[in-house]
Amino acid sequence: MITIAHLAATALGDQLAAELKGTFGTSQAPLAETVGSVARLALECLANSDALYHDLEHTLLVTQVGLDILRGRTLLEPVTPADWAHLLVACLMHDIGYVRGLIRGDCPVNGYVIDETGARVTLARGASDAALTPYHVDRSKLFVKARLGGSALLDAERIAAAIEQTRFPAPPPRPDDDPTEEACLVRAADLIGQMGDPLYLRKANALFHEFEEAGTNARLGYTSPADLIERYPDFFWQSVSAHLGGALKYLEVTVSGRHWIASLQANVFRAERPSGGPPRGLP
């Protein structure tokens, strides 16, 4: 059977493998094929998620941003095949923890594993994968270590360390942070893949309902999807932009990278004006 998930997984896997071999030569074919197979695995797994926003498409977009970051970085400084592989795999796996049933020990009756100690959480009747939002980063790291821990070509601990930096909301940058460090670039790819999505404002309803299930709306004071749009510019400049410097440096040097920057800026511009997104009602 032909499905959108299968087509997307196959296309992305083939693209990433071809990019690696095209950049570093056929001597890197084993690593390239490994990354391609991980891409197919990740997207096929994410296709089983019922989360409204953090789905296959989100991971596809984040990985495309990661790829464009690597393209630009390769033009500016030395980058190894391993650097490419680990950043891409971290992008592919950063939200895999949303999917129920992937972690050994997951059980609808006894609960879903949320950390290395084997602690579990039981979800409410009718809950979606979005209910695992508070735990998905730790679950993603568990999945990576379980599935890639025996790889001769990939360092599961390195990938898990990068995924750790994708927690939301991101803490303010520290003075000693290196914005071009791998984990920081993965975090930036996650943020740009979301907020630079040309259809991001149209997805506010889906994101709002995920936030509601995870308890984020109550914490942030959101009562409507329109709140996400109205407060988005301030949120972007106060909480997001400081984490993007290293990635923007690399995106600026390629045409496809500049498209991401333009889309990122356009979403902020549009959110400041009554166009796109959910109806905001009367002032």
C-alpha atoms as a PDB file:
ATOM      1  CA  MET A   1       0.000   0.000   0.000  1.00  0.00           C
ATOM      2  CA  ILE A   2       1.246   3.484  -0.873  1.00  0.00           C
ATOM      3  CA  THR A   3       0.910   5.916   2.030  1.00  0.00           C
ATOM      4  CA  ILE A   4       2.034   9.496   2.529  1.00  0.00           C
ATOM      5  CA  ALA A   5       4.132   8.391   5.502  1.00  0.00           C
ATOM      6  CA  HIS A   6       5.917   5.727   3.457  1.00  0.00           C
ATOM      7  CA  LEU A   7       6.550   8.123   0.570  1.00  0.00           C
ATOM      8  CA  ALA A   8       7.887  10.809   2.922  1.00  0.00           C
ATOM      9  CA  ALA A   9      10.080   8.363   4.845  1.00  0.00           C
ATOM     10  CA  THR A  10      11.541   6.908   1.661  1.00  0.00           C
ATOM     11  CA  ALA A  11      12.134  10.307   0.073  1.00  0.00           C
ATOM     12  CA  LEU A  12      13.816  11.741   3.162  1.00  0.00           C
ATOM     13  CA  GLY A  13      15.976   8.672   3.681  1.00  0.00           C
ATOM     14  CA  ASP A  14      17.121   8.758   0.063  1.00  0.00           C
ATOM     15  CA  GLN A  15      17.752  12.515   0.212  1.00  0.00           C
ATOM     16  CA  LEU A  16      19.912  12.387   3.335  1.00  0.00           C
ATOM     17  CA  ALA A  17      21.925   9.416   2.085  1.00  0.00           C
ATOM     18  CA  ALA A  18      22.513  11.142  -1.257  1.00  0.00           C
ATOM     19  CA  GLU A  19      23.547  14.414   0.435  1.00  0.00           C
ATOM     20  CA  LEU A  20      26.105  12.662   2.613  1.00  0.00           C
ATOM     21  CA  LYS A  21      27.599  10.741  -0.296  1.00  0.00           C
ATOM     22  CA  GLY A  22      27.511  13.809  -2.527  1.00  0.00           C
ATOM     23  CA  THR A  23      29.327  15.916   0.054  1.00  0.00           C
ATOM     24  CA  PHE A  24      31.910  13.426   1.298  1.00  0.00           C
ATOM     25  CA  GLY A  25      32.154  10.852  -1.475  1.00  0.00           C
ATOM     26  CA  THR A  26      31.162   7.234  -1.871  1.00  0.00           C
ATOM     27  CA  SER A  27      33.672   6.174   0.781  1.00  0.00           C
ATOM     28  CA  GLN A  28      31.012   7.330   3.259  1.00  0.00           C
ATOM     29  CA  ALA A  29      28.329   5.095   1.751  1.00  0.00           C
ATOM     30  CA  PRO A  30      27.927   2.931   4.898  1.00  0.00           C
ATOM     31  CA  LEU A  31      27.376   6.002   7.087  1.00  0.00           C
ATOM     32  CA  ALA A  32      25.088   7.561   4.485  1.00  0.00           C
ATOM     33  CA  GLU A  33      22.950   4.441   4.269  1.00  0.00           C
ATOM     34  CA  THR A  34      22.785   4.269   8.059  1.00  0.00           C
ATOM     35  CA  VAL A  35      21.459   7.827   8.253  1.00  0.00           C
ATOM     36  CA  GLY A  36      18.990   7.047   5.482  1.00  0.00           C
ATOM     37  CA  SER A  37      17.699   3.995   7.318  1.00  0.00           C
ATOM     38  CA  VAL A  38      17.335   5.990  10.550  1.00  0.00           C
ATOM     39  CA  ALA A  39      15.305   8.590   8.644  1.00  0.00           C
ATOM     40  CA  ARG A  40      12.964   5.931   7.334  1.00  0.00           C
ATOM     41  CA  LEU A  41      12.633   4.405  10.798  1.00  0.00           C
ATOM     42  CA  ALA A  42      11.923   7.752  12.456  1.00  0.00           C
ATOM     43  CA  LEU A  43       9.253   8.907  10.034  1.00  0.00           C
ATOM     44  CA  GLU A  44       7.497   5.547   9.883  1.00  0.00           C
ATOM     45  CA  CYS A  45       7.348   5.521  13.701  1.00  0.00           C
ATOM     46  CA  LEU A  46       6.132   9.116  13.898  1.00  0.00           C
ATOM     47  CA  ALA A  47       3.398   8.311  11.392  1.00  0.00           C
ATOM     48  CA  ASN A  48       1.807   6.258  14.179  1.00  0.00           C
ATOM     49  CA  SER A  49       1.536   9.263  16.491  1.00  0.00           C
ATOM     50  CA  ASP A  50      -1.805  10.930  17.136  1.00  0.00           C
ATOM     51  CA  ALA A  51      -0.266  14.158  18.440  1.00  0.00           C
ATOM     52  CA  LEU A  52      -1.880  17.023  16.542  1.00  0.00           C
ATOM     53  CA  TYR A  53       1.266  19.096  15.975  1.00  0.00           C
ATOM     54  CA  HIS A  54       4.405  17.134  16.852  1.00  0.00           C
ATOM     55  CA  ASP A  55       4.048  14.678  14.032  1.00  0.00           C
ATOM     56  CA  LEU A  56       5.880  13.349  11.006  1.00  0.00           C
ATOM     57  CA  GLU A  57       5.728  16.705   9.209  1.00  0.00           C
ATOM     58  CA  HIS A  58       7.290  18.619  12.097  1.00  0.00           C
ATOM     59  CA  THR A  59      10.257  16.242  12.245  1.00  0.00           C
ATOM     60  CA  LEU A  60      10.595  16.402   8.460  1.00  0.00           C
ATOM     61  CA  LEU A  61      10.812  20.205   8.620  1.00  0.00           C
ATOM     62  CA  VAL A  62      13.285  20.184  11.519  1.00  0.00           C
ATOM     63  CA  THR A  63      15.512  17.754   9.640  1.00  0.00           C
ATOM     64  CA  GLN A  64      15.402  19.934   6.517  1.00  0.00           C
ATOM     65  CA  VAL A  65      16.565  22.886   8.614  1.00  0.00           C
ATOM     66  CA  GLY A  66      19.334  20.740  10.084  1.00  0.00           C
ATOM     67  CA  LEU A  67      20.410  19.763   6.578  1.00  0.00           C
ATOM     68  CA  ASP A  68      20.526  23.395   5.456  1.00  0.00           C
ATOM     69  CA  ILE A  69      22.537  24.326   8.558  1.00  0.00           C
ATOM     70  CA  LEU A  70      25.056  21.638   7.646  1.00  0.00           C
ATOM     71  CA  ARG A  71      25.233  22.778   4.029  1.00  0.00           C
ATOM     72  CA  GLY A  72      26.090  26.293   5.142  1.00  0.00           C
ATOM     73  CA  ARG A  73      28.488  25.156   7.830  1.00  0.00           C
ATOM     74  CA  THR A  74      30.383  23.042   5.325  1.00  0.00           C
ATOM     75  CA  LEU A  75      30.963  26.142   3.192  1.00  0.00           C
ATOM     76  CA  LEU A  76      32.391  28.103   6.123  1.00  0.00           C
ATOM     77  CA  GLU A  77      34.477  25.617   8.099  1.00  0.00           C
ATOM     78  CA  PRO A  78      35.661  22.007   8.227  1.00  0.00           C
ATOM     79  CA  VAL A  79      32.866  19.544   8.994  1.00  0.00           C
ATOM     80  CA  THR A  80      33.261  15.782   9.209  1.00  0.00           C
ATOM     81  CA  PRO A  81      30.873  13.101   7.937  1.00  0.00           C
ATOM     82  CA  ALA A  82      30.263  12.161  11.581  1.00  0.00           C
ATOM     83  CA  ASP A  83      29.226  15.750  12.322  1.00  0.00           C
ATOM     84  CA  TRP A  84      26.646  15.558   9.550  1.00  0.00           C
ATOM     85  CA  ALA A  85      25.357  12.175  10.634  1.00  0.00           C
ATOM     86  CA  HIS A  86      24.957  12.961  14.330  1.00  0.00           C
ATOM     87  CA  LEU A  87      23.242  16.305  13.836  1.00  0.00           C
ATOM     88  CA  LEU A  88      20.814  14.832  11.307  1.00  0.00           C
ATOM     89  CA  VAL A  89      19.993  11.806  13.449  1.00  0.00           C
ATOM     90  CA  ALA A  90      19.410  14.045  16.483  1.00  0.00           C
ATOM     91  CA  CYS A  91      16.945  16.077  14.405  1.00  0.00           C
ATOM     92  CA  LEU A  92      15.227  12.901  13.238  1.00  0.00           C
ATOM     93  CA  MET A  93      14.918  11.450  16.722  1.00  0.00           C
ATOM     94  CA  HIS A  94      14.275  14.527  18.846  1.00  0.00           C
ATOM     95  CA  ASP A  95      10.497  13.963  19.125  1.00  0.00           C
ATOM     96  CA  ILE A  96      10.314  10.185  18.742  1.00  0.00           C
ATOM     97  CA  GLY A  97       9.493   9.976  22.448  1.00  0.00           C
ATOM     98  CA  TYR A  98       5.993  11.266  21.797  1.00  0.00           C
ATOM     99  CA  VAL A  99       5.008   7.956  20.220  1.00  0.00           C
ATOM    100  CA  ARG A 100       3.459   5.499  22.649  1.00  0.00           C
ATOM    101  CA  GLY A 101       4.579   1.897  22.490  1.00  0.00           C
ATOM    102  CA  LEU A 102       8.128   2.503  21.222  1.00  0.00           C
ATOM    103  CA  ILE A 103       9.938   2.198  24.547  1.00  0.00           C
ATOM    104  CA  ARG A 104      10.468  -1.248  26.046  1.00  0.00           C
ATOM    105  CA  GLY A 105       7.988  -1.585  28.894  1.00  0.00           C
ATOM    106  CA  ASP A 106       5.356   0.779  27.468  1.00  0.00           C
ATOM    107  CA  CYS A 107       1.894  -0.507  28.305  1.00  0.00           C
ATOM    108  CA  PRO A 108      -1.535   1.174  28.042  1.00  0.00           C
ATOM    109  CA  VAL A 109      -2.586  -0.483  31.310  1.00  0.00           C
ATOM    110  CA  ASN A 110       0.567  -0.255  33.430  1.00  0.00           C
ATOM    111  CA  GLY A 111       1.754   3.051  32.002  1.00  0.00           C
ATOM    112  CA  TYR A 112       4.444   4.446  29.746  1.00  0.00           C
ATOM    113  CA  VAL A 113       8.131   4.526  30.650  1.00  0.00           C
ATOM    114  CA  ILE A 114       9.401   8.066  31.191  1.00  0.00           C
ATOM    115  CA  ASP A 115      13.029   7.749  32.309  1.00  0.00           C
ATOM    116  CA  GLU A 116      16.011   5.439  32.752  1.00  0.00           C
ATOM    117  CA  THR A 117      14.816   4.284  36.185  1.00  0.00           C
ATOM    118  CA  GLY A 118      11.756   2.686  34.616  1.00  0.00           C
ATOM    119  CA  ALA A 119       9.325   5.142  36.192  1.00  0.00           C
ATOM    120  CA  ARG A 120       5.976   5.215  34.448  1.00  0.00           C
ATOM    121  CA  VAL A 121       3.078   7.551  33.847  1.00  0.00           C
ATOM    122  CA  THR A 122      -0.491   6.476  33.195  1.00  0.00           C
ATOM    123  CA  LEU A 123      -2.412   8.637  30.743  1.00  0.00           C
ATOM    124  CA  ALA A 124      -6.031   9.697  31.084  1.00  0.00           C
ATOM    125  CA  ARG A 125      -8.703   7.972  29.060  1.00  0.00           C
ATOM    126  CA  GLY A 126      -8.773   9.451  25.559  1.00  0.00           C
ATOM    127  CA  ALA A 127      -5.360  11.107  25.896  1.00  0.00           C
ATOM    128  CA  SER A 128      -3.233  11.580  22.795  1.00  0.00           C
ATOM    129  CA  ASP A 129       0.530  11.305  22.497  1.00  0.00           C
ATOM    130  CA  ALA A 130       0.675  15.016  23.366  1.00  0.00           C
ATOM    131  CA  ALA A 131       0.055  14.015  26.988  1.00  0.00           C
ATOM    132  CA  LEU A 132       3.649  12.747  26.979  1.00  0.00           C
ATOM    133  CA  THR A 133       4.993  16.250  26.290  1.00  0.00           C
ATOM    134  CA  PRO A 134       6.637  16.618  29.742  1.00  0.00           C
ATOM    135  CA  TYR A 135       8.477  13.324  29.240  1.00  0.00           C
ATOM    136  CA  HIS A 136       9.101  13.114  25.502  1.00  0.00           C
ATOM    137  CA  VAL A 137      12.714  14.320  25.582  1.00  0.00           C
ATOM    138  CA  ASP A 138      13.739  11.643  28.078  1.00  0.00           C
ATOM    139  CA  ARG A 139      11.781   9.054  26.109  1.00  0.00           C
ATOM    140  CA  SER A 140      13.493  10.119  22.886  1.00  0.00           C
ATOM    141  CA  LYS A 141      16.871   9.648  24.546  1.00  0.00           C
ATOM    142  CA  LEU A 142      15.834   6.203  25.785  1.00  0.00           C
ATOM    143  CA  PHE A 143      14.792   5.202  22.277  1.00  0.00           C
ATOM    144  CA  VAL A 144      18.068   6.416  20.778  1.00  0.00           C
ATOM    145  CA  LYS A 145      20.155   4.527  23.311  1.00  0.00           C
ATOM    146  CA  ALA A 146      18.110   1.356  22.857  1.00  0.00           C
ATOM    147  CA  ARG A 147      18.014   1.376  19.065  1.00  0.00           C
ATOM    148  CA  LEU A 148      21.359   2.976  18.193  1.00  0.00           C
ATOM    149  CA  GLY A 149      23.479   2.021  21.194  1.00  0.00           C
ATOM    150  CA  GLY A 150      25.019  -0.889  19.314  1.00  0.00           C
ATOM    151  CA  SER A 151      25.780   1.027  16.117  1.00  0.00           C
ATOM    152  CA  ALA A 152      29.384   0.982  14.954  1.00  0.00           C
ATOM    153  CA  LEU A 153      28.903   4.273  13.091  1.00  0.00           C
ATOM    154  CA  LEU A 154      26.721   6.359  15.401  1.00  0.00           C
ATOM    155  CA  ASP A 155      27.364   7.470  18.990  1.00  0.00           C
ATOM    156  CA  ALA A 156      24.048   7.168  20.805  1.00  0.00           C
ATOM    157  CA  GLU A 157      25.273   9.204  23.788  1.00  0.00           C
ATOM    158  CA  ARG A 158      26.287  12.064  21.502  1.00  0.00           C
ATOM    159  CA  ILE A 159      22.864  12.041  19.853  1.00  0.00           C
ATOM    160  CA  ALA A 160      21.092  11.912  23.218  1.00  0.00           C
ATOM    161  CA  ALA A 161      23.135  14.887  24.461  1.00  0.00           C
ATOM    162  CA  ALA A 162      21.950  16.935  21.487  1.00  0.00           C
ATOM    163  CA  ILE A 163      18.323  15.902  22.003  1.00  0.00           C
ATOM    164  CA  GLU A 164      18.587  17.014  25.644  1.00  0.00           C
ATOM    165  CA  GLN A 165      18.920  20.613  24.429  1.00  0.00           C
ATOM    166  CA  THR A 166      15.541  20.560  22.670  1.00  0.00           C
ATOM    167  CA  ARG A 167      13.524  20.937  25.875  1.00  0.00           C
ATOM    168  CA  PHE A 168      10.829  23.611  25.709  1.00  0.00           C
ATOM    169  CA  PRO A 169      10.891  26.329  26.704  1.00  0.00           C
ATOM    170  CA  ALA A 170      14.629  26.617  26.259  1.00  0.00           C
ATOM    171  CA  PRO A 171      16.483  28.159  29.216  1.00  0.00           C
ATOM    172  CA  PRO A 172      18.162  31.524  28.603  1.00  0.00           C
ATOM    173  CA  PRO A 173      21.596  31.161  26.963  1.00  0.00           C
ATOM    174  CA  ARG A 174      24.568  31.178  29.323  1.00  0.00           C
ATOM    175  CA  PRO A 175      27.535  33.489  28.639  1.00  0.00           C
ATOM    176  CA  ASP A 176      29.777  30.473  28.000  1.00  0.00           C
ATOM    177  CA  ASP A 177      27.389  28.800  25.520  1.00  0.00           C
ATOM    178  CA  ASP A 178      28.793  28.188  22.046  1.00  0.00           C
ATOM    179  CA  PRO A 179      25.907  28.786  19.595  1.00  0.00           C
ATOM    180  CA  THR A 180      27.697  26.732  16.943  1.00  0.00           C
ATOM    181  CA  GLU A 181      28.011  23.665  19.199  1.00  0.00           C
ATOM    182  CA  GLU A 182      26.130  20.632  17.884  1.00  0.00           C
ATOM    183  CA  ALA A 183      23.451  20.499  20.583  1.00  0.00           C
ATOM    184  CA  CYS A 184      22.746  24.226  20.177  1.00  0.00           C
ATOM    185  CA  LEU A 185      22.363  23.762  16.428  1.00  0.00           C
ATOM    186  CA  VAL A 186      19.908  20.905  16.934  1.00  0.00           C
ATOM    187  CA  ARG A 187      17.875  23.087  19.297  1.00  0.00           C
ATOM    188  CA  ALA A 188      17.928  25.890  16.734  1.00  0.00           C
ATOM    189  CA  ALA A 189      16.849  23.506  13.974  1.00  0.00           C
ATOM    190  CA  ASP A 190      13.915  22.431  16.146  1.00  0.00           C
ATOM    191  CA  LEU A 191      12.852  26.027  16.750  1.00  0.00           C
ATOM    192  CA  ILE A 192      13.326  27.160  13.147  1.00  0.00           C
ATOM    193  CA  GLY A 193      11.623  24.071  11.765  1.00  0.00           C
ATOM    194  CA  GLN A 194       8.593  25.001  13.834  1.00  0.00           C
ATOM    195  CA  MET A 195       8.560  28.780  13.651  1.00  0.00           C
ATOM    196  CA  GLY A 196       9.950  29.035  10.127  1.00  0.00           C
ATOM    197  CA  ASP A 197       7.302  26.686   8.756  1.00  0.00           C
ATOM    198  CA  PRO A 198       5.399  28.720   6.115  1.00  0.00           C
ATOM    199  CA  LEU A 199       2.165  27.263   7.530  1.00  0.00           C
ATOM    200  CA  TYR A 200       3.102  27.729  11.193  1.00  0.00           C
ATOM    201  CA  LEU A 201       0.427  30.290  12.015  1.00  0.00           C
ATOM    202  CA  ARG A 202      -2.207  28.052  10.449  1.00  0.00           C
ATOM    203  CA  LYS A 203      -1.211  25.308  12.874  1.00  0.00           C
ATOM    204  CA  ALA A 204      -1.924  27.362  15.992  1.00  0.00           C
ATOM    205  CA  ASN A 205      -5.115  25.407  16.683  1.00  0.00           C
ATOM    206  CA  ALA A 206      -3.266  22.096  16.664  1.00  0.00           C
ATOM    207  CA  LEU A 207      -0.505  23.463  18.890  1.00  0.00           C
ATOM    208  CA  PHE A 208      -3.021  25.013  21.290  1.00  0.00           C
ATOM    209  CA  HIS A 209      -4.807  21.709  21.800  1.00  0.00           C
ATOM    210  CA  GLU A 210      -1.489  19.951  22.399  1.00  0.00           C
ATOM    211  CA  PHE A 211      -0.628  22.623  24.961  1.00  0.00           C
ATOM    212  CA  GLU A 212      -4.014  22.143  26.609  1.00  0.00           C
ATOM    213  CA  GLU A 213      -3.470  18.424  27.008  1.00  0.00           C
ATOM    214  CA  ALA A 214       0.016  18.936  28.411  1.00  0.00           C
ATOM    215  CA  GLY A 215      -1.036  21.698  30.817  1.00  0.00           C
ATOM    216  CA  THR A 216       1.072  24.307  29.033  1.00  0.00           C
ATOM    217  CA  ASN A 217      -1.812  26.695  28.331  1.00  0.00           C
ATOM    218  CA  ALA A 218      -2.547  27.132  32.022  1.00  0.00           C
ATOM    219  CA  ARG A 219       1.113  27.850  32.713  1.00  0.00           C
ATOM    220  CA  LEU A 220       1.428  30.381  29.893  1.00  0.00           C
ATOM    221  CA  GLY A 221      -2.009  31.930  30.300  1.00  0.00           C
ATOM    222  CA  TYR A 222      -3.362  30.913  26.899  1.00  0.00           C
ATOM    223  CA  THR A 223      -7.154  30.612  26.645  1.00  0.00           C
ATOM    224  CA  SER A 224      -7.524  30.508  22.860  1.00  0.00           C
ATOM    225  CA  PRO A 225      -5.444  29.560  19.804  1.00  0.00           C
ATOM    226  CA  ALA A 226      -5.531  33.261  18.967  1.00  0.00           C
ATOM    227  CA  ASP A 227      -3.433  33.916  22.080  1.00  0.00           C
ATOM    228  CA  LEU A 228      -0.582  31.915  20.545  1.00  0.00           C
ATOM    229  CA  ILE A 229      -0.598  34.204  17.517  1.00  0.00           C
ATOM    230  CA  GLU A 230      -1.057  37.496  19.351  1.00  0.00           C
ATOM    231  CA  ARG A 231       1.753  36.777  21.806  1.00  0.00           C
ATOM    232  CA  TYR A 232       4.014  35.068  19.308  1.00  0.00           C
ATOM    233  CA  PRO A 233       6.151  38.117  18.338  1.00  0.00           C
ATOM    234  CA  ASP A 234       7.018  38.876  21.968  1.00  0.00           C
ATOM    235  CA  PHE A 235       7.668  35.193  22.651  1.00  0.00           C
ATOM    236  CA  PHE A 236       9.925  34.947  19.616  1.00  0.00           C
ATOM    237  CA  TRP A 237      12.052  37.971  20.469  1.00  0.00           C
ATOM    238  CA  GLN A 238      12.207  37.312  24.219  1.00  0.00           C
ATOM    239  CA  SER A 239      12.562  33.526  24.362  1.00  0.00           C
ATOM    240  CA  VAL A 240      13.596  32.172  20.966  1.00  0.00           C
ATOM    241  CA  SER A 241      15.771  34.547  18.959  1.00  0.00           C
ATOM    242  CA  ALA A 242      18.715  34.374  21.376  1.00  0.00           C
ATOM    243  CA  HIS A 243      19.080  30.654  20.600  1.00  0.00           C
ATOM    244  CA  LEU A 244      19.291  31.022  16.824  1.00  0.00           C
ATOM    245  CA  GLY A 245      22.493  32.989  16.221  1.00  0.00           C
ATOM    246  CA  GLY A 246      24.779  30.087  15.367  1.00  0.00           C
ATOM    247  CA  ALA A 247      22.259  28.463  13.050  1.00  0.00           C
ATOM    248  CA  LEU A 248      21.412  31.726  11.271  1.00  0.00           C
ATOM    249  CA  LYS A 249      25.103  32.257  10.577  1.00  0.00           C
ATOM    250  CA  TYR A 250      25.144  29.035   8.563  1.00  0.00           C
ATOM    251  CA  LEU A 251      21.714  29.447   6.985  1.00  0.00           C
ATOM    252  CA  GLU A 252      22.632  32.861   5.614  1.00  0.00           C
ATOM    253  CA  VAL A 253      25.218  31.464   3.185  1.00  0.00           C
ATOM    254  CA  THR A 254      22.901  29.271   1.076  1.00  0.00           C
ATOM    255  CA  VAL A 255      19.780  30.077  -0.917  1.00  0.00           C
ATOM    256  CA  SER A 256      17.714  27.394   0.792  1.00  0.00           C
ATOM    257  CA  GLY A 257      18.961  28.591   4.171  1.00  0.00           C
ATOM    258  CA  ARG A 258      17.900  32.149   3.431  1.00  0.00           C
ATOM    259  CA  HIS A 259      14.437  30.848   2.592  1.00  0.00           C
ATOM    260  CA  TRP A 260      14.161  29.564   6.172  1.00  0.00           C
ATOM    261  CA  ILE A 261      15.260  32.928   7.550  1.00  0.00           C
ATOM    262  CA  ALA A 262      12.754  34.761   5.348  1.00  0.00           C
ATOM    263  CA  SER A 263       9.934  32.465   6.437  1.00  0.00           C
ATOM    264  CA  LEU A 264      10.912  32.838  10.094  1.00  0.00           C
ATOM    265  CA  GLN A 265      10.800  36.623   9.829  1.00  0.00           C
ATOM    266  CA  ALA A 266       7.606  36.569   7.779  1.00  0.00           C
ATOM    267  CA  ASN A 267       5.764  34.641  10.479  1.00  0.00           C
ATOM    268  CA  VAL A 268       6.706  37.243  13.079  1.00  0.00           C
ATOM    269  CA  PHE A 269       5.603  40.015  10.703  1.00  0.00           C
ATOM    270  CA  ARG A 270       2.277  38.310   9.940  1.00  0.00           C
ATOM    271  CA  ALA A 271       1.592  37.613  13.611  1.00  0.00           C
ATOM    272  CA  GLU A 272       1.836  41.346  14.266  1.00  0.00           C
ATOM    273  CA  ARG A 273      -0.954  41.935  11.742  1.00  0.00           C
ATOM    274  CA  PRO A 274      -4.490  40.498  11.505  1.00  0.00           C
ATOM    275  CA  SER A 275      -3.782  37.988   8.745  1.00  0.00           C
ATOM    276  CA  GLY A 276      -3.338  34.243   9.022  1.00  0.00           C
ATOM    277  CA  GLY A 277      -3.974  32.045  12.006  1.00  0.00           C
ATOM    278  CA  PRO A 278      -7.193  31.656  13.983  1.00  0.00           C
ATOM    279  CA  PRO A 279      -9.711  34.541  14.052  1.00  0.00           C
ATOM    280  CA  ARG A 280      -8.804  36.875  16.884  1.00  0.00           C
ATOM    281  CA  GLY A 281     -12.193  38.444  17.485  1.00  0.00           C
ATOM    282  CA  LEU A 282     -12.945  42.033  18.329  1.00  0.00           C
ATOM    283  CA  PRO A 283     -10.463  44.073  20.360  1.00  0.00           C
END
